[in-house]
Protein backbone atom coordinates (compact mmCIF):
# COMPACT_ATOMS: atom_id res chain seq x y z
CA THR A 1 0.00 0.00 0.00
CA ALA A 2 2.84 2.40 0.77
CA ASP A 3 4.01 2.39 -2.84
CA TRP A 4 0.53 3.34 -4.07
CA LEU A 5 0.23 6.08 -1.46
CA GLU A 6 3.55 7.52 -2.59
CA PHE A 7 2.47 7.23 -6.24
CA PHE A 8 -0.68 9.28 -5.61
CA ALA A 9 1.17 11.74 -3.36
CA ALA A 10 3.72 12.32 -6.14
CA ARG A 11 0.91 12.91 -8.64
CA ARG A 12 -0.74 15.40 -6.27
CA ARG A 13 2.54 17.25 -5.75
CA ALA A 14 3.07 17.39 -9.51
CA ALA A 15 -0.41 18.89 -9.91
CA LEU A 16 0.20 21.47 -7.16
CA LYS A 17 3.70 22.57 -8.16
CA PRO A 18 2.54 24.82 -11.05
CA LEU A 19 0.26 26.64 -8.59
CA VAL A 20 3.26 27.76 -6.52
CA THR A 21 3.97 31.03 -8.31
CA PRO A 22 5.49 34.31 -7.12
CA ALA A 23 1.92 35.69 -6.92
CA LEU A 24 0.83 32.82 -4.66
CA LEU A 25 3.88 33.33 -2.42
CA ALA A 26 3.13 37.06 -2.22
CA GLU A 27 -0.52 36.36 -1.36
CA HIS A 28 0.56 34.12 1.50
CA ALA A 29 3.24 36.56 2.72
CA GLU A 30 0.66 39.36 2.86
CA ASP A 31 -1.81 37.43 5.05
CA PRO A 32 -0.52 33.96 6.00
CA ARG A 33 -3.50 32.99 8.13
CA GLY A 34 -6.16 34.47 5.86
CA ALA A 35 -7.45 36.62 8.72
CA ASP A 36 -7.87 39.86 6.77
CA THR A 37 -8.70 38.48 3.32
CA PRO A 38 -9.77 34.96 2.36
CA HIS A 39 -7.15 32.89 0.57
CA GLY A 40 -7.65 32.32 -3.15
CA PRO A 41 -8.49 28.85 -4.48
CA ALA A 42 -4.90 28.02 -5.54
CA LEU A 43 -3.44 28.98 -2.17
CA GLN A 44 -6.18 27.09 -0.35
CA ASP A 45 -5.43 23.95 -2.39
CA VAL A 46 -1.74 24.17 -1.55
CA LEU A 47 -2.44 24.85 2.15
CA ASN A 48 -4.87 21.91 2.34
CA TYR A 49 -2.16 19.62 1.01
CA LEU A 50 0.44 20.98 3.45
CA HIS A 51 -1.89 20.68 6.42
CA ASN A 52 -2.69 17.04 5.63
CA GLN A 53 0.93 15.86 5.76
CA PRO A 54 2.12 13.61 8.60
CA THR A 55 3.09 15.47 11.75
CA ALA A 56 6.63 14.12 12.06
CA GLY A 57 9.02 16.47 10.29
CA LYS A 58 6.59 19.39 10.01
CA SER A 59 8.00 22.82 10.73
CA PHE A 60 6.21 25.26 13.02
CA ALA A 61 6.68 28.79 14.34
CA TYR A 62 7.28 29.44 18.01
CA ALA A 63 7.60 32.64 19.99
CA GLU A 64 11.01 32.83 21.58
CA ALA A 65 9.97 36.22 22.96
CA PRO A 66 6.29 36.97 22.17
CA TYR A 67 5.76 39.96 19.87
CA VAL A 68 9.54 40.36 19.49
CA ARG A 69 11.37 37.24 18.30
CA TYR A 70 10.07 34.13 16.52
CA ARG A 71 11.89 31.05 15.26
CA LEU A 72 11.07 27.78 13.55
CA GLY A 73 10.99 24.35 15.07
CA TYR A 74 10.37 20.85 13.73
CA LEU A 75 7.97 18.27 15.11
CA GLN A 76 9.11 14.72 15.68
CA GLY A 77 7.20 11.53 16.25
CA ARG A 78 4.63 10.99 18.98
CA GLY A 79 6.12 11.26 22.46
CA GLN A 80 9.24 13.07 21.25
CA SER A 81 10.09 16.69 21.96
CA PRO A 82 10.22 19.07 19.00
CA VAL A 83 13.56 20.27 17.67
CA LEU A 84 13.92 24.03 18.11
CA ASN A 85 15.92 25.64 15.33
CA ASP A 86 18.63 28.21 16.05
CA GLY A 87 18.19 29.53 12.51
CA PRO A 88 16.89 32.91 11.40
CA ILE A 89 15.01 35.15 13.80
CA HIS A 90 11.68 36.54 12.59
CA ALA A 91 10.38 39.85 13.91
CA SER A 92 6.68 38.99 13.71
CA GLU A 93 4.39 36.00 13.90
CA ARG A 94 3.21 36.73 10.36
CA GLU A 95 6.77 36.59 9.05
CA ALA A 96 7.46 33.34 10.96
CA VAL A 97 4.27 31.65 9.72
CA HIS A 98 5.23 32.56 6.15
CA ALA A 99 8.71 31.10 6.75
CA VAL A 100 7.03 27.85 7.89
CA PHE A 101 4.99 27.84 4.67
CA LEU A 102 8.13 28.26 2.57
CA ALA A 103 9.99 25.56 4.53
CA ARG A 104 7.14 23.09 4.01
CA LEU A 105 6.98 23.87 0.29
CA VAL A 106 10.72 23.23 -0.04
CA ALA A 107 10.52 20.02 2.04
CA LEU A 108 7.79 18.64 -0.24
CA GLY A 109 9.53 19.67 -3.45
CA LEU A 110 6.89 22.23 -4.38
CA LEU A 111 9.40 25.08 -4.26
CA ASP A 112 13.06 24.98 -5.21
CA ASP A 113 15.34 25.87 -2.31
CA GLY A 114 17.07 28.57 -4.36
CA ALA A 115 13.85 30.01 -5.83
CA PRO A 116 13.00 33.67 -5.18
CA GLN A 117 10.67 33.75 -2.18
CA SER A 118 8.39 36.53 -1.02
């Protein structure tokens, strides 16, 4: 079954990759949570796929100092503590949530690591 699941996951990623455009990245950067304006259909499709991935390995934003300094962390398997990243510091939650979005796109091969990112 695992090989079929990977086959369909690869097909889904191939269908989503063309949706990841500079305009889509800019839309997410402007309002990552969709609080001020609803996300467009393409962004919602991509977010639905990202949200439905297994928990282990997912990146997340955490407040090192609320309202001042945010960083990324990575979830591990059940019963294991997350790994907190000493990487870049983000000045706002919005910026950190967008960085999580970009990290997940790169991890799933939907965005090239060297691609221009908003």
